[in-house]
Amino acid sequence: MNTPLAETLSVAMLVLVLVCAVVRPFNWPEAVVAVPAAVLVVATGAISPAHALDEAERLGPVIGFLAAVLVLAQLCDDEGLFQACGAWMARTAAGRPRRLLMQVFLAASAITAVLSLDATVVLLTPVVFATAARLGARPKPHVYACTHLSNTASLLLPVSNLTNLLAFAASGLSFTRFAALMALPWVAAIAVEYVVFRRFFATDLDAGAQAPHTADAPELPLFALVTVGCTLAGFVLTSAVGIDPAWAALAGAVVLAVRALIRRSTSPKALLRSVSVPFLAFVLALGIVVRAVVDNGLDTALGHLIPDGTGLAALLGIAALAAVLANVINNLPAVLVLLPLAADSGPGAVLAVLLGVNIGPNLTYAGSLATLLWRRIVHAHDAEVELGEFTRLGLYAVPASLLAAVPALWVSLAVIGGG
């Protein structure tokens, strides 16, 4: 296929895949459109079979890791971890919405970092709805916190977000060094989000206070907590000895799965459903379509825009470009496009891309798949998400969070080093 035609077809397929992921016509899984689109760009020669195979091989370990983490999060929910979290928030909030917001920030930040942003969106958001209702608090600030923190609080660990897994693979960093470099930006971004939320939702947080919730707390699922703790330790250990951390995630998922099957609290069918095979197929197909767009000129165009080096100004420019691109084409395609371009400048540039594609999506609905999923969950609870309000909140939170997180990354690189 000649270059102009290949470029046109690749861009058209990417736009089609993203639009269908946002709209989900007939409630189809994202893969229904993405997989045929990937097949089409290969069949027509817009991307060579060799490049498509390279992309599949690059994404394979990442997709396997994601599958294990999805199963782990679902089994933790089956064990009652999120219900216990909701009871803790209700008890310690003492009937005060501002304190409940703090508890939601703490819980969502920890869950996002350890069990991935999908756990926060899919499993914690309904718990937050129920907790706010029990306390008589207006749910909006707390529910909005779930979607913002599913993006912002996913900066800390390689396992927190699919974008992190991709950046982790491209950075060449160990698990512990990745976490050490991202710890200060993670804290800085979350702190700014909290300040913005307190001011933006001041009226909602001053209303609806009631007496503390006094219902009996559910039993803490110690086995699940210990398993998650051991899995985190496994991430560190496997990374230190040069083994793919996906094996640690798989081990944690297997331990909880075997226990759940023995106790008959789950079934093989339920476990397979938690793997979310259609979503994994969508990720792989999207990667191939994005690679077709990159091969047909996008990398050249962006190569002229992305700053060189890892000075503070360069890091700010890289993060800003990544944030803009995430809101234009979604954060997953954005990170797939930008990582190869940033990798030449070293791990610092890769992590700056990550700041942009993780914090930036809080500006628009289409910025991340997690936000799109969150919207469906909110609508399922008969609540509304106003586009204007969501965007205004993003305009306050996103630039401020980036202006706090990027200098924090620059400091971390200077103190710890990116080697």
Protein backbone atom coordinates (compact mmCIF):
# COMPACT_ATOMS: atom_id res chain seq x y z
CA MET A 1 0.00 0.00 0.00
CA ASN A 2 1.34 3.46 -0.86
CA THR A 3 2.21 5.73 2.07
CA PRO A 4 -0.64 8.31 1.84
CA LEU A 5 -3.27 5.59 1.57
CA ALA A 6 -1.71 3.57 4.40
CA GLU A 7 -1.59 6.68 6.59
CA THR A 8 -5.23 7.52 5.87
CA LEU A 9 -6.42 3.97 6.56
CA SER A 10 -4.40 3.70 9.80
CA VAL A 11 -5.72 7.00 11.16
CA ALA A 12 -9.28 6.12 10.12
CA MET A 13 -9.07 2.77 11.92
CA LEU A 14 -7.64 4.40 15.06
CA VAL A 15 -10.43 6.98 15.12
CA LEU A 16 -13.04 4.26 14.57
CA VAL A 17 -11.65 2.10 17.36
CA LEU A 18 -11.52 5.00 19.83
CA VAL A 19 -15.00 6.28 18.97
CA CYS A 20 -16.48 2.82 19.41
CA ALA A 21 -14.62 2.41 22.71
CA VAL A 22 -16.22 5.65 23.92
CA VAL A 23 -19.73 5.09 22.53
CA ARG A 24 -19.85 1.29 22.74
CA PRO A 25 -22.66 0.86 20.16
CA PHE A 26 -25.18 -1.84 21.11
CA ASN A 27 -23.12 -2.24 24.30
CA TRP A 28 -20.52 -4.21 22.34
CA PRO A 29 -17.15 -4.97 23.95
CA GLU A 30 -14.37 -2.72 22.66
CA ALA A 31 -12.71 -5.70 20.96
CA VAL A 32 -15.61 -6.17 18.51
CA VAL A 33 -14.35 -3.23 16.46
CA ALA A 34 -10.68 -3.16 17.48
CA VAL A 35 -9.80 -6.72 16.44
CA PRO A 36 -11.19 -6.45 12.87
CA ALA A 37 -9.48 -3.05 12.56
CA ALA A 38 -6.14 -4.62 13.50
CA VAL A 39 -6.69 -7.44 11.03
CA LEU A 40 -7.53 -4.91 8.31
CA VAL A 41 -4.39 -2.79 8.74
CA VAL A 42 -2.26 -5.94 8.53
CA ALA A 43 -4.18 -7.45 5.60
CA THR A 44 -3.97 -4.26 3.53
CA GLY A 45 -0.29 -3.72 4.19
CA ALA A 46 -0.70 -0.55 6.28
CA ILE A 47 1.55 -2.37 8.76
CA SER A 48 3.79 -5.27 7.88
CA PRO A 49 3.10 -8.66 9.51
CA ALA A 50 6.60 -8.53 11.02
CA HIS A 51 5.89 -5.21 12.76
CA ALA A 52 2.50 -6.43 13.92
CA LEU A 53 4.16 -9.53 15.38
CA ASP A 54 6.81 -7.37 17.07
CA GLU A 55 4.09 -5.28 18.67
CA ALA A 56 2.22 -8.38 19.84
CA GLU A 57 5.42 -9.78 21.37
CA ARG A 58 6.09 -6.46 23.12
CA LEU A 59 2.58 -6.27 24.55
CA GLY A 60 2.27 -9.97 25.41
CA PRO A 61 3.95 -9.89 28.86
CA VAL A 62 2.14 -6.65 29.72
CA ILE A 63 -1.23 -8.18 28.86
CA GLY A 64 -0.42 -11.28 30.88
CA PHE A 65 0.47 -9.10 33.86
CA LEU A 66 -2.78 -7.15 33.48
CA ALA A 67 -4.83 -10.36 33.37
CA ALA A 68 -3.29 -11.61 36.62
CA VAL A 69 -3.88 -8.29 38.40
CA LEU A 70 -7.53 -8.18 37.23
CA VAL A 71 -8.13 -11.65 38.68
CA LEU A 72 -6.33 -10.71 41.91
CA ALA A 73 -8.49 -7.60 42.35
CA GLN A 74 -11.73 -9.49 41.70
CA LEU A 75 -10.83 -12.22 44.17
CA CYS A 76 -10.00 -9.59 46.80
CA ASP A 77 -13.47 -8.19 46.26
CA ASP A 78 -14.95 -11.69 46.63
CA GLU A 79 -13.08 -12.03 49.92
CA GLY A 80 -14.80 -8.86 51.21
CA LEU A 81 -11.85 -6.49 51.07
CA PHE A 82 -13.80 -3.62 49.52
CA GLN A 83 -16.79 -4.05 51.82
CA ALA A 84 -14.40 -3.87 54.79
CA CYS A 85 -12.89 -0.75 53.27
CA GLY A 86 -16.33 0.85 53.00
CA ALA A 87 -17.11 0.02 56.62
CA TRP A 88 -13.79 1.55 57.70
CA MET A 89 -14.55 4.75 55.78
CA ALA A 90 -18.03 5.01 57.27
CA ARG A 91 -16.77 4.39 60.81
CA THR A 92 -13.78 6.72 60.74
CA ALA A 93 -15.58 9.52 58.87
CA ALA A 94 -17.59 10.10 62.06
CA GLY A 95 -20.51 11.51 60.05
CA ARG A 96 -18.41 14.32 58.56
CA PRO A 97 -18.27 14.59 54.74
CA ARG A 98 -14.87 16.32 54.74
CA ARG A 99 -13.40 13.49 56.75
CA LEU A 100 -15.08 10.98 54.44
CA LEU A 101 -13.38 12.68 51.48
CA MET A 102 -10.02 12.18 53.18
CA GLN A 103 -10.81 8.50 53.77
CA VAL A 104 -11.85 8.06 50.13
CA PHE A 105 -8.59 9.68 49.01
CA LEU A 106 -6.57 7.34 51.25
CA ALA A 107 -8.47 4.21 50.21
CA ALA A 108 -8.59 5.03 46.50
CA SER A 109 -4.90 5.96 46.41
CA ALA A 110 -3.85 2.71 48.09
CA ILE A 111 -6.19 0.49 46.06
CA THR A 112 -5.21 2.13 42.78
CA ALA A 113 -1.50 1.80 43.53
CA VAL A 114 -1.63 -1.83 44.64
CA LEU A 115 -4.55 -3.41 42.76
CA SER A 116 -4.66 -1.11 39.69
CA LEU A 117 -7.01 1.68 38.65
CA ASP A 118 -9.61 -0.82 37.42
CA ALA A 119 -10.18 -1.98 41.00
CA THR A 120 -10.85 1.59 42.11
CA VAL A 121 -13.26 2.32 39.28
CA VAL A 122 -15.15 -0.97 39.16
CA LEU A 123 -15.03 -2.19 42.76
CA LEU A 124 -14.50 0.85 45.02
CA THR A 125 -16.88 3.31 43.30
CA PRO A 126 -20.06 1.32 44.20
CA VAL A 127 -18.77 1.01 47.78
CA VAL A 128 -18.27 4.78 47.96
CA PHE A 129 -21.82 5.35 46.69
CA ALA A 130 -23.17 3.08 49.43
CA THR A 131 -20.99 4.63 52.14
CA ALA A 132 -22.04 8.18 51.29
CA ALA A 133 -25.70 7.11 51.30
CA ARG A 134 -25.36 5.50 54.75
CA LEU A 135 -23.88 8.71 56.14
CA GLY A 136 -26.34 11.00 54.38
CA ALA A 137 -23.49 12.76 52.61
CA ARG A 138 -23.73 14.11 49.07
CA PRO A 139 -21.96 11.49 46.95
CA LYS A 140 -20.58 13.71 44.18
CA PRO A 141 -17.21 14.76 45.73
CA HIS A 142 -16.42 11.23 46.86
CA VAL A 143 -17.50 9.55 43.64
CA TYR A 144 -15.57 12.07 41.52
CA ALA A 145 -12.55 11.33 43.70
CA CYS A 146 -12.69 7.71 42.55
CA THR A 147 -12.24 8.58 38.89
CA HIS A 148 -9.61 11.28 39.44
CA LEU A 149 -7.56 9.05 41.73
CA SER A 150 -7.91 6.05 39.44
CA ASN A 151 -5.77 8.12 37.07
CA THR A 152 -3.61 10.33 39.30
CA ALA A 153 -2.93 7.78 42.04
CA SER A 154 -1.84 5.18 39.47
CA LEU A 155 1.60 6.79 39.22
CA LEU A 156 3.31 4.87 42.01
CA LEU A 157 3.91 1.26 40.96
CA PRO A 158 4.37 -0.52 37.62
CA VAL A 159 1.26 -2.59 38.42
CA SER A 160 -1.03 0.39 39.04
CA ASN A 161 -2.00 1.02 35.42
CA LEU A 162 -1.59 -0.54 32.02
CA THR A 163 0.27 2.60 30.94
CA ASN A 164 2.69 2.02 33.83
CA LEU A 165 3.37 -1.52 32.69
CA LEU A 166 4.25 -0.23 29.24
CA ALA A 167 6.45 2.53 30.65
CA PHE A 168 8.10 0.11 33.07
CA ALA A 169 9.06 -2.16 30.18
CA ALA A 170 10.43 0.79 28.18
CA SER A 171 12.31 2.44 31.06
CA GLY A 172 14.69 -0.39 31.95
CA LEU A 173 14.20 0.43 35.64
CA SER A 174 13.83 -2.11 38.41
CA PHE A 175 10.51 -2.34 40.26
CA THR A 176 11.93 -0.65 43.36
CA ARG A 177 13.70 2.16 41.50
CA PHE A 178 10.54 2.87 39.47
CA ALA A 179 8.54 3.13 42.70
CA ALA A 180 11.21 5.25 44.40
CA LEU A 181 11.32 7.74 41.53
CA MET A 182 7.54 8.00 41.32
CA ALA A 183 6.83 8.20 45.08
CA LEU A 184 7.35 11.96 45.40
CA PRO A 185 5.38 12.83 42.21
CA TRP A 186 2.62 10.48 43.41
CA VAL A 187 2.34 12.25 46.78
CA ALA A 188 2.56 15.71 45.19
CA ALA A 189 -0.16 15.03 42.61
CA ILE A 190 -2.56 13.48 45.14
CA ALA A 191 -2.02 16.34 47.59
CA VAL A 192 -2.87 18.91 44.92
CA GLU A 193 -5.96 16.94 43.91
CA TYR A 194 -7.11 16.90 47.54
CA VAL A 195 -6.75 20.67 47.90
CA VAL A 196 -8.61 21.24 44.63
CA PHE A 197 -11.43 18.89 45.68
CA ARG A 198 -11.83 20.58 49.08
CA ARG A 199 -12.29 23.96 47.42
CA PHE A 200 -14.24 22.87 44.33
CA PHE A 201 -16.81 20.82 46.29
CA ALA A 202 -16.92 23.05 49.39
CA THR A 203 -20.71 23.42 49.25
CA ASP A 204 -21.31 19.67 48.95
CA LEU A 205 -18.85 18.92 51.73
CA ASP A 206 -20.54 21.37 54.10
CA ALA A 207 -23.93 19.68 53.65
CA GLY A 208 -25.41 16.40 54.74
CA ALA A 209 -23.49 15.72 57.94
CA GLN A 210 -25.13 13.15 60.21
CA ALA A 211 -24.31 11.07 63.25
CA PRO A 212 -21.49 8.52 62.86
CA HIS A 213 -22.36 5.22 61.24
CA THR A 214 -22.59 2.56 63.97
CA ALA A 215 -23.31 -0.69 62.09
CA ASP A 216 -21.17 -3.70 62.88
CA ALA A 217 -17.97 -3.79 60.87
CA PRO A 218 -17.48 -6.82 58.60
CA GLU A 219 -14.64 -9.17 59.36
CA LEU A 220 -11.31 -8.04 57.92
CA PRO A 221 -10.20 -10.46 55.15
CA LEU A 222 -6.74 -11.16 56.55
CA PHE A 223 -5.93 -13.91 54.06
CA ALA A 224 -6.54 -11.57 51.14
CA LEU A 225 -4.50 -8.80 52.77
CA VAL A 226 -1.58 -11.14 53.47
CA THR A 227 -1.71 -12.48 49.92
CA VAL A 228 -1.64 -8.97 48.45
CA GLY A 229 1.26 -8.06 50.73
CA CYS A 230 3.20 -11.15 49.67
CA THR A 231 2.43 -10.38 46.03
CA LEU A 232 3.89 -6.88 46.42
CA ALA A 233 6.98 -8.38 48.03
CA GLY A 234 7.12 -10.78 45.11
CA PHE A 235 7.14 -7.86 42.66
CA VAL A 236 10.21 -6.46 44.37
CA LEU A 237 11.98 -9.82 44.61
CA THR A 238 11.33 -10.92 41.02
CA SER A 239 12.43 -7.56 39.67
CA ALA A 240 15.63 -7.71 41.72
CA VAL A 241 16.60 -11.13 40.33
CA GLY A 242 15.63 -10.35 36.74
CA ILE A 243 12.37 -12.33 36.58
CA ASP A 244 9.26 -10.80 35.03
CA PRO A 245 7.09 -9.52 37.94
CA ALA A 246 4.06 -10.95 36.12
CA TRP A 247 4.96 -14.28 37.74
CA ALA A 248 4.46 -12.75 41.19
CA ALA A 249 1.06 -11.41 40.13
CA LEU A 250 0.15 -14.82 38.76
CA ALA A 251 1.22 -16.51 42.01
CA GLY A 252 -0.94 -14.18 44.10
CA ALA A 253 -3.93 -14.73 41.82
CA VAL A 254 -3.45 -18.50 41.89
CA VAL A 255 -3.28 -18.61 45.71
CA LEU A 256 -6.54 -16.71 46.09
CA ALA A 257 -8.17 -18.60 43.22
CA VAL A 258 -7.34 -22.03 44.65
CA ARG A 259 -8.68 -21.00 48.06
CA ALA A 260 -11.86 -19.58 46.53
CA LEU A 261 -12.44 -22.71 44.42
CA ILE A 262 -11.95 -24.97 47.41
CA ARG A 263 -14.41 -22.90 49.44
CA ARG A 264 -16.75 -22.74 46.42
CA SER A 265 -16.98 -18.95 46.71
CA THR A 266 -16.15 -18.68 43.01
CA SER A 267 -16.22 -20.87 39.91
CA PRO A 268 -13.94 -21.42 36.91
CA LYS A 269 -16.44 -19.47 34.79
CA ALA A 270 -16.32 -16.51 37.18
CA LEU A 271 -12.52 -16.58 37.17
CA LEU A 272 -12.46 -16.54 33.38
CA ARG A 273 -14.91 -13.65 33.36
CA SER A 274 -12.66 -11.66 35.72
CA VAL A 275 -9.76 -12.06 33.26
CA SER A 276 -11.77 -9.84 30.88
CA VAL A 277 -10.53 -11.53 27.70
CA PRO A 278 -12.36 -9.09 25.37
CA PHE A 279 -10.60 -6.15 27.01
CA LEU A 280 -7.21 -7.85 26.71
CA ALA A 281 -7.93 -8.50 23.03
CA PHE A 282 -8.84 -4.83 22.66
CA VAL A 283 -5.51 -3.75 24.18
CA LEU A 284 -3.55 -5.99 21.79
CA ALA A 285 -5.56 -4.90 18.74
CA LEU A 286 -5.29 -1.23 19.69
CA GLY A 287 -1.53 -1.60 20.02
CA ILE A 288 -1.28 -2.96 16.46
CA VAL A 289 -3.49 -0.17 15.05
CA VAL A 290 -1.43 2.48 16.87
CA ARG A 291 1.77 0.90 15.58
CA ALA A 292 0.35 1.21 12.04
CA VAL A 293 -0.27 4.93 12.61
CA VAL A 294 3.24 5.36 14.02
CA ASP A 295 4.84 3.50 11.12
CA ASN A 296 3.03 5.74 8.65
CA GLY A 297 4.33 9.10 9.85
CA LEU A 298 3.04 9.95 13.33
CA ASP A 299 6.39 9.19 14.96
CA THR A 300 8.10 11.63 12.60
CA ALA A 301 5.58 14.39 13.32
CA LEU A 302 5.78 13.95 17.10
CA GLY A 303 9.55 13.56 16.97
CA HIS A 304 9.75 17.25 16.04
CA LEU A 305 7.58 18.21 19.03
CA ILE A 306 8.91 16.12 21.91
CA PRO A 307 11.69 17.89 23.85
CA ASP A 308 15.13 16.31 24.24
CA GLY A 309 16.82 15.70 27.57
CA THR A 310 15.62 15.40 31.16
CA GLY A 311 16.02 18.93 32.46
CA LEU A 312 13.06 20.48 34.24
CA ALA A 313 11.90 22.40 31.16
CA ALA A 314 12.17 19.27 28.98
CA LEU A 315 10.27 17.15 31.50
CA LEU A 316 7.51 19.77 31.68
CA GLY A 317 7.29 19.85 27.88
CA ILE A 318 7.16 16.06 27.60
CA ALA A 319 4.46 15.75 30.29
CA ALA A 320 2.38 18.54 28.72
CA LEU A 321 2.60 16.96 25.26
CA ALA A 322 1.61 13.59 26.70
CA ALA A 323 -1.34 15.11 28.58
CA VAL A 324 -2.63 16.86 25.45
CA LEU A 325 -2.23 13.76 23.31
CA ALA A 326 -4.00 11.61 25.93
CA ASN A 327 -7.04 13.87 25.75
CA VAL A 328 -7.01 13.86 21.95
CA ILE A 329 -6.55 10.13 21.26
CA ASN A 330 -6.91 8.54 24.75
CA ASN A 331 -4.04 7.80 27.12
CA LEU A 332 -3.35 4.24 26.00
CA PRO A 333 -2.65 5.10 22.34
CA ALA A 334 -0.77 8.19 23.54
CA VAL A 335 1.64 6.17 25.65
CA LEU A 336 2.13 3.62 22.88
CA VAL A 337 3.07 6.45 20.50
CA LEU A 338 5.28 8.48 22.82
CA LEU A 339 7.28 5.82 24.66
CA PRO A 340 9.55 4.87 21.74
CA LEU A 341 10.27 8.57 21.15
CA ALA A 342 10.99 9.32 24.82
CA ALA A 343 13.04 6.19 25.54
CA ASP A 344 16.11 7.60 23.76
CA SER A 345 16.32 10.38 26.37
CA GLY A 346 16.35 7.89 29.25
CA PRO A 347 14.06 6.77 32.08
CA GLY A 348 13.33 10.32 33.22
CA ALA A 349 11.68 11.18 29.91
CA VAL A 350 9.69 7.93 29.99
CA LEU A 351 8.40 8.74 33.47
CA ALA A 352 7.49 12.29 32.35
CA VAL A 353 5.36 10.73 29.61
CA LEU A 354 3.71 8.66 32.31
CA LEU A 355 2.89 11.75 34.37
CA GLY A 356 1.19 13.28 31.35
CA VAL A 357 -0.84 10.24 30.31
CA ASN A 358 -1.92 9.40 33.88
CA ILE A 359 -2.78 12.87 35.21
CA GLY A 360 -3.88 14.43 31.92
CA PRO A 361 -6.96 12.21 31.33
CA ASN A 362 -8.77 13.85 34.27
CA LEU A 363 -9.49 16.74 31.93
CA THR A 364 -11.95 14.98 29.58
CA TYR A 365 -14.25 11.97 29.50
CA ALA A 366 -12.32 10.36 26.66
CA GLY A 367 -8.90 10.78 28.26
CA SER A 368 -8.79 7.27 29.68
CA LEU A 369 -10.74 4.05 29.44
CA ALA A 370 -11.08 4.08 33.24
CA THR A 371 -13.06 7.34 33.10
CA LEU A 372 -15.36 5.95 30.43
CA LEU A 373 -16.00 2.89 32.59
CA TRP A 374 -16.57 5.10 35.65
CA ARG A 375 -19.24 7.05 33.79
CA ARG A 376 -21.17 3.84 33.09
CA ILE A 377 -21.01 2.87 36.75
CA VAL A 378 -22.23 6.31 37.85
CA HIS A 379 -25.16 6.12 35.43
CA ALA A 380 -26.00 2.66 36.74
CA HIS A 381 -26.50 4.28 40.16
CA ASP A 382 -28.98 6.80 38.67
CA ALA A 383 -26.51 9.65 39.08
CA GLU A 384 -25.50 12.19 36.46
CA VAL A 385 -22.08 13.41 35.38
CA GLU A 386 -22.23 16.93 33.98
CA LEU A 387 -19.73 17.56 31.20
CA GLY A 388 -19.23 21.19 32.18
CA GLU A 389 -18.60 20.38 35.83
CA PHE A 390 -16.26 17.49 35.02
CA THR A 391 -14.27 19.72 32.67
CA ARG A 392 -14.10 22.66 35.11
CA LEU A 393 -12.79 20.35 37.81
CA GLY A 394 -10.21 19.00 35.37
CA LEU A 395 -9.10 22.50 34.38
CA TYR A 396 -8.33 23.23 38.01
CA ALA A 397 -6.80 19.87 38.90
CA VAL A 398 -4.79 18.74 35.87
CA PRO A 399 -2.45 21.72 35.30
CA ALA A 400 -1.90 22.16 39.03
CA SER A 401 -1.15 18.46 39.54
CA LEU A 402 1.29 18.39 36.61
CA LEU A 403 3.05 21.54 37.86
CA ALA A 404 3.53 19.81 41.22
CA ALA A 405 4.37 16.30 39.96
CA VAL A 406 6.89 17.15 37.23
CA PRO A 407 9.25 19.18 39.49
CA ALA A 408 8.88 16.39 42.05
CA LEU A 409 10.04 13.90 39.41
CA TRP A 410 12.96 16.19 38.50
CA VAL A 411 14.01 16.27 42.17
CA SER A 412 13.69 12.49 42.46
CA LEU A 413 15.86 11.98 39.40
CA ALA A 414 18.49 14.35 40.81
CA VAL A 415 18.53 12.65 44.24
CA ILE A 416 18.00 8.99 43.33
CA GLY A 417 19.23 8.91 39.74
CA GLY A 418 17.52 7.31 36.78
CA GLY A 419 20.12 4.65 36.07
